[in-house]
Amino acid sequence: MSSRGHSTLPRTLMAPRMISEGDIGGIAQITSSLFLGRGSVASNRHLLQARGITCIVNATIEIPNFNWPQFEYVKVPLADMPHAPIGLYFDTVADKIHSVSRKHGATLVHCAAGVSRSATLCIAYLMKFHNVCLLEAYNWVKARRPVIRPNVGFWRQLIDYEVLHTWEVEHLSNLKCVGPCSS
């Protein structure tokens, strides 16, 4: 259970579901509507369609989108460098993943190796929409894709994100409505 309240992740960790595409790492199913993988996965249209993926988040500078018409694309142009401002994309990407899920679609988040940038964005999504702390989100993703390793700068930004959201949850839940909204 998270220190942030009620977790929406299943109580027991399911066995990791690795779906191999023939190379190290392949694609990992993080939730029923979220997949994490390396860049080469985004070029496998049949695998994407078989998994029900409708949206592809490309967290790279170096890999172009394929722009196939049956997929929606979100480009997060970041280098895997500790100083890269990935935190600027946490809410936008998390909101997109959530929106796609609500429409019964699925999202693939990828970077070059599926280790740092894409994993960081998946962790932020779990923190925001599954109401879990950073450690629980990290452990959840790591259990499904053991090769993840967000770089130190991304870790700092995830810690800041957790602190911000913990503060918001604690303080906003204590606000009382004053004025016109208290009808």
N, C-alpha and C. Protein backbone atom coordinates (compact mmCIF):
# COMPACT_ATOMS: atom_id res chain seq x y z
N MET A 1 0.84 -1.18 0.00
CA MET A 1 0.00 0.00 0.00
C MET A 1 0.87 1.23 0.00
N SER A 2 0.50 2.17 -0.75
CA SER A 2 1.25 3.41 -0.89
C SER A 2 1.00 4.35 0.26
N SER A 3 1.98 5.21 0.51
CA SER A 3 1.79 6.26 1.50
C SER A 3 0.90 7.36 0.93
N ARG A 4 0.55 7.27 -0.34
CA ARG A 4 -0.26 8.29 -0.99
C ARG A 4 -1.73 7.95 -0.96
N GLY A 5 -2.12 6.86 -0.35
CA GLY A 5 -3.52 6.50 -0.32
C GLY A 5 -3.74 5.15 -0.95
N HIS A 6 -4.93 4.94 -1.49
CA HIS A 6 -5.32 3.65 -2.04
C HIS A 6 -4.69 3.41 -3.40
N SER A 7 -3.97 2.32 -3.52
CA SER A 7 -3.34 1.94 -4.78
C SER A 7 -4.37 1.27 -5.68
N THR A 8 -4.28 1.53 -6.97
CA THR A 8 -5.16 0.84 -7.91
C THR A 8 -4.45 -0.29 -8.64
N LEU A 9 -3.21 -0.58 -8.24
CA LEU A 9 -2.51 -1.73 -8.80
C LEU A 9 -3.02 -2.97 -8.08
N PRO A 10 -3.07 -4.12 -8.75
CA PRO A 10 -3.51 -5.34 -8.08
C PRO A 10 -2.66 -5.61 -6.84
N ARG A 11 -3.28 -6.21 -5.82
CA ARG A 11 -2.59 -6.45 -4.55
C ARG A 11 -1.40 -7.38 -4.69
N THR A 12 -1.49 -8.35 -5.55
CA THR A 12 -0.37 -9.27 -5.73
C THR A 12 0.26 -9.01 -7.09
N LEU A 13 1.56 -9.06 -7.12
CA LEU A 13 2.25 -8.88 -8.39
C LEU A 13 2.03 -10.11 -9.25
N MET A 14 1.51 -9.87 -10.44
CA MET A 14 1.36 -10.97 -11.38
C MET A 14 2.75 -11.34 -11.88
N ALA A 15 2.87 -12.53 -12.41
CA ALA A 15 4.15 -12.90 -13.02
C ALA A 15 4.43 -11.93 -14.16
N PRO A 16 5.65 -11.49 -14.29
CA PRO A 16 5.97 -10.58 -15.39
C PRO A 16 5.57 -11.18 -16.74
N ARG A 17 5.01 -10.34 -17.60
CA ARG A 17 4.56 -10.79 -18.91
C ARG A 17 5.47 -10.19 -19.97
N MET A 18 6.53 -10.88 -20.27
CA MET A 18 7.44 -10.44 -21.33
C MET A 18 6.97 -11.04 -22.64
N ILE A 19 6.87 -10.21 -23.64
CA ILE A 19 6.46 -10.65 -24.96
C ILE A 19 7.66 -10.43 -25.86
N SER A 20 8.33 -11.49 -26.19
CA SER A 20 9.59 -11.35 -26.92
C SER A 20 9.35 -11.08 -28.39
N GLU A 21 10.15 -10.21 -28.94
CA GLU A 21 10.12 -9.99 -30.38
C GLU A 21 11.40 -10.52 -31.01
N GLY A 22 12.15 -11.31 -30.26
CA GLY A 22 13.35 -11.91 -30.79
C GLY A 22 14.63 -11.19 -30.43
N ASP A 23 14.53 -10.04 -29.77
CA ASP A 23 15.74 -9.36 -29.33
C ASP A 23 15.68 -9.16 -27.82
N ILE A 24 16.79 -8.80 -27.24
CA ILE A 24 16.85 -8.66 -25.78
C ILE A 24 15.88 -7.58 -25.34
N GLY A 25 15.01 -7.92 -24.43
CA GLY A 25 14.09 -6.93 -23.87
C GLY A 25 12.72 -6.96 -24.50
N GLY A 26 12.61 -6.91 -25.80
CA GLY A 26 11.31 -6.95 -26.45
C GLY A 26 10.37 -5.89 -25.95
N ILE A 27 9.18 -6.33 -25.58
CA ILE A 27 8.13 -5.45 -25.11
C ILE A 27 7.56 -6.04 -23.83
N ALA A 28 7.27 -5.20 -22.87
CA ALA A 28 6.72 -5.65 -21.60
C ALA A 28 5.37 -5.01 -21.36
N GLN A 29 4.42 -5.79 -20.89
CA GLN A 29 3.10 -5.26 -20.55
C GLN A 29 3.15 -4.77 -19.11
N ILE A 30 2.96 -3.46 -18.92
CA ILE A 30 3.03 -2.84 -17.60
C ILE A 30 1.66 -2.87 -16.93
N THR A 31 0.62 -2.50 -17.65
CA THR A 31 -0.77 -2.62 -17.20
C THR A 31 -1.55 -3.19 -18.38
N SER A 32 -2.84 -3.34 -18.21
CA SER A 32 -3.65 -3.89 -19.31
C SER A 32 -3.63 -3.00 -20.54
N SER A 33 -3.30 -1.72 -20.37
CA SER A 33 -3.32 -0.80 -21.51
C SER A 33 -2.01 -0.03 -21.70
N LEU A 34 -0.93 -0.51 -21.08
CA LEU A 34 0.36 0.17 -21.19
C LEU A 34 1.48 -0.84 -21.43
N PHE A 35 2.25 -0.58 -22.48
CA PHE A 35 3.39 -1.41 -22.83
C PHE A 35 4.64 -0.55 -22.87
N LEU A 36 5.77 -1.16 -22.56
CA LEU A 36 7.07 -0.48 -22.53
C LEU A 36 8.04 -1.30 -23.37
N GLY A 37 8.79 -0.62 -24.22
CA GLY A 37 9.72 -1.37 -25.04
C GLY A 37 10.82 -0.52 -25.64
N ARG A 38 11.67 -1.18 -26.38
CA ARG A 38 12.78 -0.52 -27.08
C ARG A 38 12.27 0.03 -28.40
N GLY A 39 13.08 0.84 -29.03
CA GLY A 39 12.67 1.50 -30.26
C GLY A 39 12.28 0.57 -31.39
N SER A 40 12.95 -0.57 -31.51
CA SER A 40 12.65 -1.49 -32.61
C SER A 40 11.24 -2.04 -32.54
N VAL A 41 10.64 -2.08 -31.37
CA VAL A 41 9.27 -2.56 -31.22
C VAL A 41 8.31 -1.69 -32.02
N ALA A 42 8.58 -0.38 -32.06
CA ALA A 42 7.69 0.55 -32.76
C ALA A 42 7.66 0.32 -34.26
N SER A 43 8.60 -0.45 -34.78
CA SER A 43 8.63 -0.74 -36.22
C SER A 43 7.92 -2.05 -36.56
N ASN A 44 7.42 -2.75 -35.54
CA ASN A 44 6.76 -4.04 -35.75
C ASN A 44 5.24 -3.85 -35.71
N ARG A 45 4.68 -3.46 -36.84
CA ARG A 45 3.26 -3.14 -36.92
C ARG A 45 2.38 -4.32 -36.49
N HIS A 46 2.75 -5.53 -36.86
CA HIS A 46 1.94 -6.70 -36.50
C HIS A 46 1.91 -6.92 -35.00
N LEU A 47 3.05 -6.77 -34.34
CA LEU A 47 3.10 -6.91 -32.88
C LEU A 47 2.26 -5.83 -32.21
N LEU A 48 2.37 -4.60 -32.68
CA LEU A 48 1.60 -3.50 -32.11
C LEU A 48 0.10 -3.76 -32.23
N GLN A 49 -0.33 -4.18 -33.41
CA GLN A 49 -1.75 -4.45 -33.62
C GLN A 49 -2.21 -5.65 -32.80
N ALA A 50 -1.39 -6.67 -32.68
CA ALA A 50 -1.75 -7.85 -31.89
C ALA A 50 -1.95 -7.51 -30.42
N ARG A 51 -1.26 -6.50 -29.93
CA ARG A 51 -1.38 -6.09 -28.53
C ARG A 51 -2.45 -5.02 -28.33
N GLY A 52 -3.11 -4.63 -29.39
CA GLY A 52 -4.17 -3.62 -29.28
C GLY A 52 -3.65 -2.21 -29.08
N ILE A 53 -2.40 -1.98 -29.44
CA ILE A 53 -1.79 -0.66 -29.26
C ILE A 53 -2.35 0.30 -30.30
N THR A 54 -2.79 1.45 -29.81
CA THR A 54 -3.36 2.48 -30.68
C THR A 54 -2.58 3.79 -30.61
N CYS A 55 -1.72 3.91 -29.61
CA CYS A 55 -0.94 5.14 -29.42
C CYS A 55 0.52 4.77 -29.13
N ILE A 56 1.44 5.49 -29.74
CA ILE A 56 2.87 5.24 -29.53
C ILE A 56 3.52 6.52 -29.03
N VAL A 57 4.12 6.44 -27.84
CA VAL A 57 4.87 7.56 -27.28
C VAL A 57 6.34 7.28 -27.56
N ASN A 58 6.95 8.13 -28.37
CA ASN A 58 8.34 7.99 -28.79
C ASN A 58 9.18 8.97 -27.98
N ALA A 59 9.88 8.47 -26.97
CA ALA A 59 10.68 9.31 -26.08
C ALA A 59 12.14 9.34 -26.53
N THR A 60 12.35 9.76 -27.77
CA THR A 60 13.71 9.84 -28.30
C THR A 60 13.85 11.07 -29.19
N ILE A 61 15.09 11.44 -29.40
CA ILE A 61 15.42 12.39 -30.45
C ILE A 61 15.80 11.60 -31.70
N GLU A 62 16.45 10.48 -31.47
CA GLU A 62 17.13 9.76 -32.55
C GLU A 62 16.27 8.83 -33.40
N ILE A 63 15.07 8.48 -32.95
CA ILE A 63 14.24 7.54 -33.71
C ILE A 63 13.02 8.29 -34.25
N PRO A 64 12.84 8.31 -35.57
CA PRO A 64 11.66 8.99 -36.12
C PRO A 64 10.40 8.15 -35.92
N ASN A 65 9.26 8.82 -35.90
CA ASN A 65 7.98 8.11 -35.88
C ASN A 65 7.76 7.47 -37.24
N PHE A 66 7.07 6.33 -37.26
CA PHE A 66 6.74 5.68 -38.52
C PHE A 66 5.52 6.31 -39.18
N ASN A 67 4.69 6.95 -38.37
CA ASN A 67 3.50 7.67 -38.86
C ASN A 67 2.55 6.79 -39.66
N TRP A 68 2.36 5.57 -39.20
CA TRP A 68 1.34 4.71 -39.79
C TRP A 68 -0.02 5.27 -39.39
N PRO A 69 -0.98 5.29 -40.28
CA PRO A 69 -2.24 5.98 -40.00
C PRO A 69 -3.09 5.34 -38.90
N GLN A 70 -2.89 4.08 -38.60
CA GLN A 70 -3.72 3.44 -37.58
C GLN A 70 -3.23 3.72 -36.15
N PHE A 71 -2.12 4.43 -36.01
CA PHE A 71 -1.58 4.75 -34.68
C PHE A 71 -1.52 6.25 -34.48
N GLU A 72 -1.79 6.65 -33.26
CA GLU A 72 -1.58 8.05 -32.86
C GLU A 72 -0.16 8.13 -32.30
N TYR A 73 0.55 9.18 -32.61
CA TYR A 73 1.93 9.33 -32.16
C TYR A 73 2.08 10.54 -31.25
N VAL A 74 2.89 10.36 -30.21
CA VAL A 74 3.29 11.46 -29.33
C VAL A 74 4.81 11.44 -29.30
N LYS A 75 5.42 12.54 -29.66
CA LYS A 75 6.89 12.63 -29.67
C LYS A 75 7.35 13.39 -28.43
N VAL A 76 8.25 12.78 -27.68
CA VAL A 76 8.87 13.41 -26.52
C VAL A 76 10.36 13.49 -26.86
N PRO A 77 10.79 14.61 -27.43
CA PRO A 77 12.15 14.72 -27.96
C PRO A 77 13.20 14.95 -26.88
N LEU A 78 13.69 13.87 -26.31
CA LEU A 78 14.66 13.95 -25.22
C LEU A 78 15.85 13.04 -25.46
N ALA A 79 17.00 13.51 -25.04
CA ALA A 79 18.20 12.67 -24.99
C ALA A 79 18.21 11.95 -23.65
N ASP A 80 18.86 10.81 -23.59
CA ASP A 80 18.99 10.09 -22.32
C ASP A 80 20.18 10.67 -21.56
N MET A 81 19.99 11.89 -21.09
CA MET A 81 21.03 12.62 -20.36
C MET A 81 20.43 13.09 -19.04
N PRO A 82 21.20 13.05 -17.96
CA PRO A 82 20.66 13.45 -16.66
C PRO A 82 20.05 14.86 -16.63
N HIS A 83 20.54 15.76 -17.47
CA HIS A 83 20.03 17.13 -17.46
C HIS A 83 18.80 17.31 -18.35
N ALA A 84 18.39 16.29 -19.09
CA ALA A 84 17.21 16.42 -19.96
C ALA A 84 15.96 16.62 -19.12
N PRO A 85 15.10 17.57 -19.48
CA PRO A 85 13.94 17.93 -18.65
C PRO A 85 12.73 17.01 -18.85
N ILE A 86 12.88 15.74 -18.55
CA ILE A 86 11.80 14.77 -18.76
C ILE A 86 10.59 15.08 -17.89
N GLY A 87 10.82 15.69 -16.74
CA GLY A 87 9.72 16.03 -15.84
C GLY A 87 8.68 16.95 -16.48
N LEU A 88 9.09 17.73 -17.46
CA LEU A 88 8.15 18.60 -18.17
C LEU A 88 7.08 17.79 -18.91
N TYR A 89 7.36 16.52 -19.17
CA TYR A 89 6.45 15.68 -19.94
C TYR A 89 5.65 14.69 -19.08
N PHE A 90 5.92 14.63 -17.78
CA PHE A 90 5.25 13.63 -16.94
C PHE A 90 3.73 13.71 -17.05
N ASP A 91 3.17 14.88 -16.81
CA ASP A 91 1.71 14.99 -16.81
C ASP A 91 1.12 14.82 -18.20
N THR A 92 1.74 15.40 -19.21
CA THR A 92 1.22 15.29 -20.58
C THR A 92 1.17 13.84 -21.03
N VAL A 93 2.25 13.11 -20.81
CA VAL A 93 2.30 11.71 -21.24
C VAL A 93 1.36 10.86 -20.38
N ALA A 94 1.36 11.06 -19.07
CA ALA A 94 0.47 10.30 -18.19
C ALA A 94 -0.99 10.54 -18.58
N ASP A 95 -1.34 11.79 -18.83
CA ASP A 95 -2.72 12.10 -19.23
C ASP A 95 -3.08 11.43 -20.55
N LYS A 96 -2.14 11.38 -21.48
CA LYS A 96 -2.39 10.74 -22.78
C LYS A 96 -2.59 9.23 -22.60
N ILE A 97 -1.73 8.59 -21.82
CA ILE A 97 -1.87 7.15 -21.56
C ILE A 97 -3.23 6.86 -20.94
N HIS A 98 -3.62 7.68 -19.99
CA HIS A 98 -4.91 7.51 -19.31
C HIS A 98 -6.07 7.71 -20.29
N SER A 99 -5.98 8.73 -21.12
CA SER A 99 -7.03 9.01 -22.10
C SER A 99 -7.18 7.85 -23.09
N VAL A 100 -6.08 7.32 -23.57
CA VAL A 100 -6.11 6.19 -24.50
C VAL A 100 -6.74 4.97 -23.82
N SER A 101 -6.38 4.74 -22.58
CA SER A 101 -6.93 3.61 -21.83
C SER A 101 -8.45 3.74 -21.65
N ARG A 102 -8.91 4.94 -21.35
CA ARG A 102 -10.35 5.17 -21.17
C ARG A 102 -11.14 4.92 -22.46
N LYS A 103 -10.46 5.06 -23.60
CA LYS A 103 -11.09 4.80 -24.90
C LYS A 103 -10.89 3.34 -25.32
N HIS A 104 -10.41 2.51 -24.39
CA HIS A 104 -10.17 1.08 -24.61
C HIS A 104 -9.05 0.80 -25.61
N GLY A 105 -8.11 1.73 -25.69
CA GLY A 105 -6.91 1.52 -26.49
C GLY A 105 -5.75 1.16 -25.58
N ALA A 106 -4.59 1.03 -26.18
CA ALA A 106 -3.38 0.74 -25.41
C ALA A 106 -2.24 1.60 -25.96
N THR A 107 -1.29 1.89 -25.10
CA THR A 107 -0.17 2.75 -25.44
C THR A 107 1.14 1.99 -25.31
N LEU A 108 2.01 2.18 -26.30
CA LEU A 108 3.40 1.75 -26.20
C LEU A 108 4.23 2.98 -25.91
N VAL A 109 5.03 2.94 -24.86
CA VAL A 109 6.01 3.99 -24.58
C VAL A 109 7.37 3.37 -24.88
N HIS A 110 8.12 4.00 -25.77
CA HIS A 110 9.43 3.46 -26.11
C HIS A 110 10.47 4.56 -26.14
N CYS A 111 11.71 4.15 -25.94
CA CYS A 111 12.88 5.00 -26.20
C CYS A 111 13.81 4.13 -27.04
N ALA A 112 15.08 4.38 -27.03
CA ALA A 112 15.98 3.58 -27.86
C ALA A 112 16.11 2.16 -27.32
N ALA A 113 16.41 2.03 -26.03
CA ALA A 113 16.64 0.71 -25.43
C ALA A 113 15.51 0.24 -24.52
N GLY A 114 14.55 1.10 -24.22
CA GLY A 114 13.48 0.73 -23.30
C GLY A 114 13.96 0.58 -21.88
N VAL A 115 14.93 1.40 -21.50
CA VAL A 115 15.58 1.26 -20.19
C VAL A 115 15.41 2.50 -19.31
N SER A 116 15.60 3.69 -19.85
CA SER A 116 15.64 4.89 -19.02
C SER A 116 14.49 5.85 -19.30
N ARG A 117 14.44 6.47 -20.47
CA ARG A 117 13.42 7.48 -20.76
C ARG A 117 12.01 6.90 -20.70
N SER A 118 11.78 5.82 -21.43
CA SER A 118 10.44 5.24 -21.47
C SER A 118 10.02 4.68 -20.12
N ALA A 119 10.95 4.07 -19.41
CA ALA A 119 10.64 3.54 -18.08
C ALA A 119 10.26 4.68 -17.13
N THR A 120 10.98 5.78 -17.21
CA THR A 120 10.69 6.94 -16.36
C THR A 120 9.27 7.45 -16.60
N LEU A 121 8.87 7.54 -17.85
CA LEU A 121 7.53 8.02 -18.17
C LEU A 121 6.45 7.05 -17.69
N CYS A 122 6.71 5.75 -17.79
CA CYS A 122 5.75 4.76 -17.28
C CYS A 122 5.62 4.84 -15.76
N ILE A 123 6.72 5.04 -15.08
CA ILE A 123 6.71 5.18 -13.62
C ILE A 123 5.89 6.40 -13.22
N ALA A 124 6.10 7.52 -13.90
CA ALA A 124 5.33 8.74 -13.59
C ALA A 124 3.84 8.51 -13.81
N TYR A 125 3.48 7.80 -14.87
CA TYR A 125 2.07 7.48 -15.12
C TYR A 125 1.48 6.68 -13.97
N LEU A 126 2.18 5.64 -13.52
CA LEU A 126 1.67 4.83 -12.42
C LEU A 126 1.50 5.65 -11.15
N MET A 127 2.44 6.54 -10.89
CA MET A 127 2.35 7.40 -9.71
C MET A 127 1.10 8.27 -9.78
N LYS A 128 0.84 8.84 -10.94
CA LYS A 128 -0.28 9.77 -11.08
C LYS A 128 -1.63 9.07 -11.11
N PHE A 129 -1.77 8.03 -11.92
CA PHE A 129 -3.08 7.45 -12.15
C PHE A 129 -3.36 6.16 -11.38
N HIS A 130 -2.35 5.57 -10.79
CA HIS A 130 -2.57 4.38 -9.97
C HIS A 130 -2.30 4.66 -8.50
N ASN A 131 -2.03 5.93 -8.20
CA ASN A 131 -1.92 6.40 -6.82
C ASN A 131 -0.91 5.61 -6.00
N VAL A 132 0.28 5.45 -6.56
CA VAL A 132 1.35 4.74 -5.86
C VAL A 132 2.56 5.64 -5.70
N CYS A 133 3.38 5.32 -4.73
CA CYS A 133 4.61 6.08 -4.51
C CYS A 133 5.66 5.67 -5.56
N LEU A 134 6.71 6.44 -5.61
CA LEU A 134 7.78 6.20 -6.58
C LEU A 134 8.35 4.79 -6.45
N LEU A 135 8.66 4.37 -5.25
CA LEU A 135 9.26 3.05 -5.06
C LEU A 135 8.33 1.94 -5.54
N GLU A 136 7.05 2.04 -5.22
CA GLU A 136 6.10 1.01 -5.64
C GLU A 136 5.96 1.01 -7.17
N ALA A 137 5.90 2.18 -7.77
CA ALA A 137 5.80 2.26 -9.24
C ALA A 137 7.05 1.68 -9.90
N TYR A 138 8.22 2.04 -9.37
CA TYR A 138 9.47 1.51 -9.91
C TYR A 138 9.50 -0.02 -9.80
N ASN A 139 9.17 -0.55 -8.63
CA ASN A 139 9.18 -2.00 -8.44
C ASN A 139 8.20 -2.70 -9.37
N TRP A 140 7.05 -2.08 -9.60
CA TRP A 140 6.04 -2.66 -10.49
C TRP A 140 6.60 -2.78 -11.92
N VAL A 141 7.20 -1.69 -12.40
CA VAL A 141 7.75 -1.69 -13.76
C VAL A 141 8.95 -2.63 -13.85
N LYS A 142 9.81 -2.60 -12.85
CA LYS A 142 11.01 -3.45 -12.83
C LYS A 142 10.64 -4.94 -12.84
N ALA A 143 9.55 -5.30 -12.17
CA ALA A 143 9.11 -6.70 -12.15
C ALA A 143 8.69 -7.16 -13.54
N ARG A 144 8.24 -6.23 -14.38
CA ARG A 144 7.77 -6.57 -15.71
C ARG A 144 8.81 -6.37 -16.80
N ARG A 145 9.76 -5.50 -16.52
CA ARG A 145 10.87 -5.26 -17.46
C ARG A 145 12.14 -5.08 -16.64
N PRO A 146 12.80 -6.17 -16.30
CA PRO A 146 13.94 -6.13 -15.37
C PRO A 146 15.12 -5.28 -15.81
N VAL A 147 15.21 -4.92 -17.08
CA VAL A 147 16.36 -4.15 -17.55
C VAL A 147 16.24 -2.65 -17.32
N ILE A 148 15.12 -2.17 -16.77
CA ILE A 148 14.97 -0.72 -16.63
C ILE A 148 16.01 -0.14 -15.68
N ARG A 149 16.42 1.09 -15.99
CA ARG A 149 17.41 1.78 -15.16
C ARG A 149 17.37 3.28 -15.48
N PRO A 150 16.38 4.01 -14.93
CA PRO A 150 16.34 5.45 -15.18
C PRO A 150 17.65 6.11 -14.75
N ASN A 151 18.12 7.07 -15.55
CA ASN A 151 19.38 7.72 -15.19
C ASN A 151 19.18 8.60 -13.95
N VAL A 152 20.27 9.02 -13.34
CA VAL A 152 20.22 9.72 -12.06
C VAL A 152 19.43 11.02 -12.13
N GLY A 153 19.51 11.73 -13.23
CA GLY A 153 18.74 12.97 -13.38
C GLY A 153 17.25 12.70 -13.46
N PHE A 154 16.87 11.61 -14.13
CA PHE A 154 15.46 11.25 -14.21
C PHE A 154 14.94 10.82 -12.85
N TRP A 155 15.79 10.13 -12.06
CA TRP A 155 15.41 9.77 -10.69
C TRP A 155 15.11 11.02 -9.88
N ARG A 156 15.97 12.02 -10.00
CA ARG A 156 15.75 13.27 -9.25
C ARG A 156 14.41 13.91 -9.63
N GLN A 157 14.11 13.88 -10.92
CA GLN A 157 12.86 14.46 -11.38
C GLN A 157 11.65 13.65 -10.92
N LEU A 158 11.78 12.33 -10.85
CA LEU A 158 10.70 11.49 -10.31
C LEU A 158 10.50 11.76 -8.82
N ILE A 159 11.59 11.95 -8.09
CA ILE A 159 11.48 12.27 -6.66
C ILE A 159 10.75 13.60 -6.49
N ASP A 160 11.13 14.60 -7.28
CA ASP A 160 10.45 15.90 -7.22
C ASP A 160 8.97 15.76 -7.55
N TYR A 161 8.65 14.93 -8.52
CA TYR A 161 7.26 14.70 -8.93
C TYR A 161 6.48 14.05 -7.79
N GLU A 162 7.10 13.09 -7.12
CA GLU A 162 6.44 12.45 -5.98
C GLU A 162 6.20 13.45 -4.87
N VAL A 163 7.19 14.27 -4.55
CA VAL A 163 7.04 15.27 -3.49
C VAL A 163 5.91 16.24 -3.85
N LEU A 164 5.89 16.71 -5.08
CA LEU A 164 4.86 17.64 -5.53
C LEU A 164 3.47 17.02 -5.40
N HIS A 165 3.31 15.80 -5.87
CA HIS A 165 1.99 15.17 -5.82
C HIS A 165 1.58 14.78 -4.41
N THR A 166 2.52 14.41 -3.58
CA THR A 166 2.20 14.12 -2.18
C THR A 166 1.71 15.39 -1.51
N TRP A 167 2.39 16.51 -1.75
CA TRP A 167 1.98 17.79 -1.18
C TRP A 167 0.59 18.17 -1.68
N GLU A 168 0.35 18.02 -2.98
CA GLU A 168 -0.95 18.37 -3.54
C GLU A 168 -2.06 17.55 -2.92
N VAL A 169 -1.86 16.24 -2.81
CA VAL A 169 -2.88 15.37 -2.24
C VAL A 169 -3.17 15.75 -0.80
N GLU A 170 -2.12 15.96 -0.02
CA GLU A 170 -2.30 16.30 1.39
C GLU A 170 -2.95 17.66 1.58
N HIS A 171 -2.53 18.66 0.82
CA HIS A 171 -3.02 20.01 1.03
C HIS A 171 -4.34 20.29 0.32
N LEU A 172 -4.53 19.78 -0.85
CA LEU A 172 -5.77 20.03 -1.56
C LEU A 172 -6.94 19.30 -0.91
N SER A 173 -6.69 18.16 -0.30
CA SER A 173 -7.78 17.44 0.37
C SER A 173 -8.22 18.16 1.65
N ASN A 174 -7.39 19.05 2.17
CA ASN A 174 -7.73 19.80 3.38
C ASN A 174 -8.35 21.16 3.08
N LEU A 175 -8.42 21.56 1.82
CA LEU A 175 -8.98 22.86 1.48
C LEU A 175 -10.48 22.86 1.69
N LYS A 176 -10.97 23.95 2.19
CA LYS A 176 -12.41 24.13 2.35
C LYS A 176 -12.85 25.17 1.34
N CYS A 177 -14.00 24.95 0.76
CA CYS A 177 -14.51 25.88 -0.24
C CYS A 177 -15.09 27.09 0.47
N VAL A 178 -14.69 28.26 0.03
CA VAL A 178 -15.17 29.52 0.59
C VAL A 178 -15.67 30.37 -0.56
N GLY A 179 -16.78 31.02 -0.36
CA GLY A 179 -17.28 31.92 -1.40
C GLY A 179 -18.33 31.26 -2.26
N PRO A 180 -18.39 31.63 -3.53
CA PRO A 180 -19.47 31.19 -4.41
C PRO A 180 -19.60 29.67 -4.55
N CYS A 181 -18.52 28.93 -4.38
CA CYS A 181 -18.61 27.48 -4.59
C CYS A 181 -19.25 26.76 -3.42
N SER A 182 -19.54 27.44 -2.32
CA SER A 182 -20.07 26.76 -1.13
C SER A 182 -21.59 26.81 -1.09
N SER A 183 -22.24 26.73 -2.22
CA SER A 183 -23.69 26.80 -2.25
C SER A 183 -24.33 25.50 -1.88
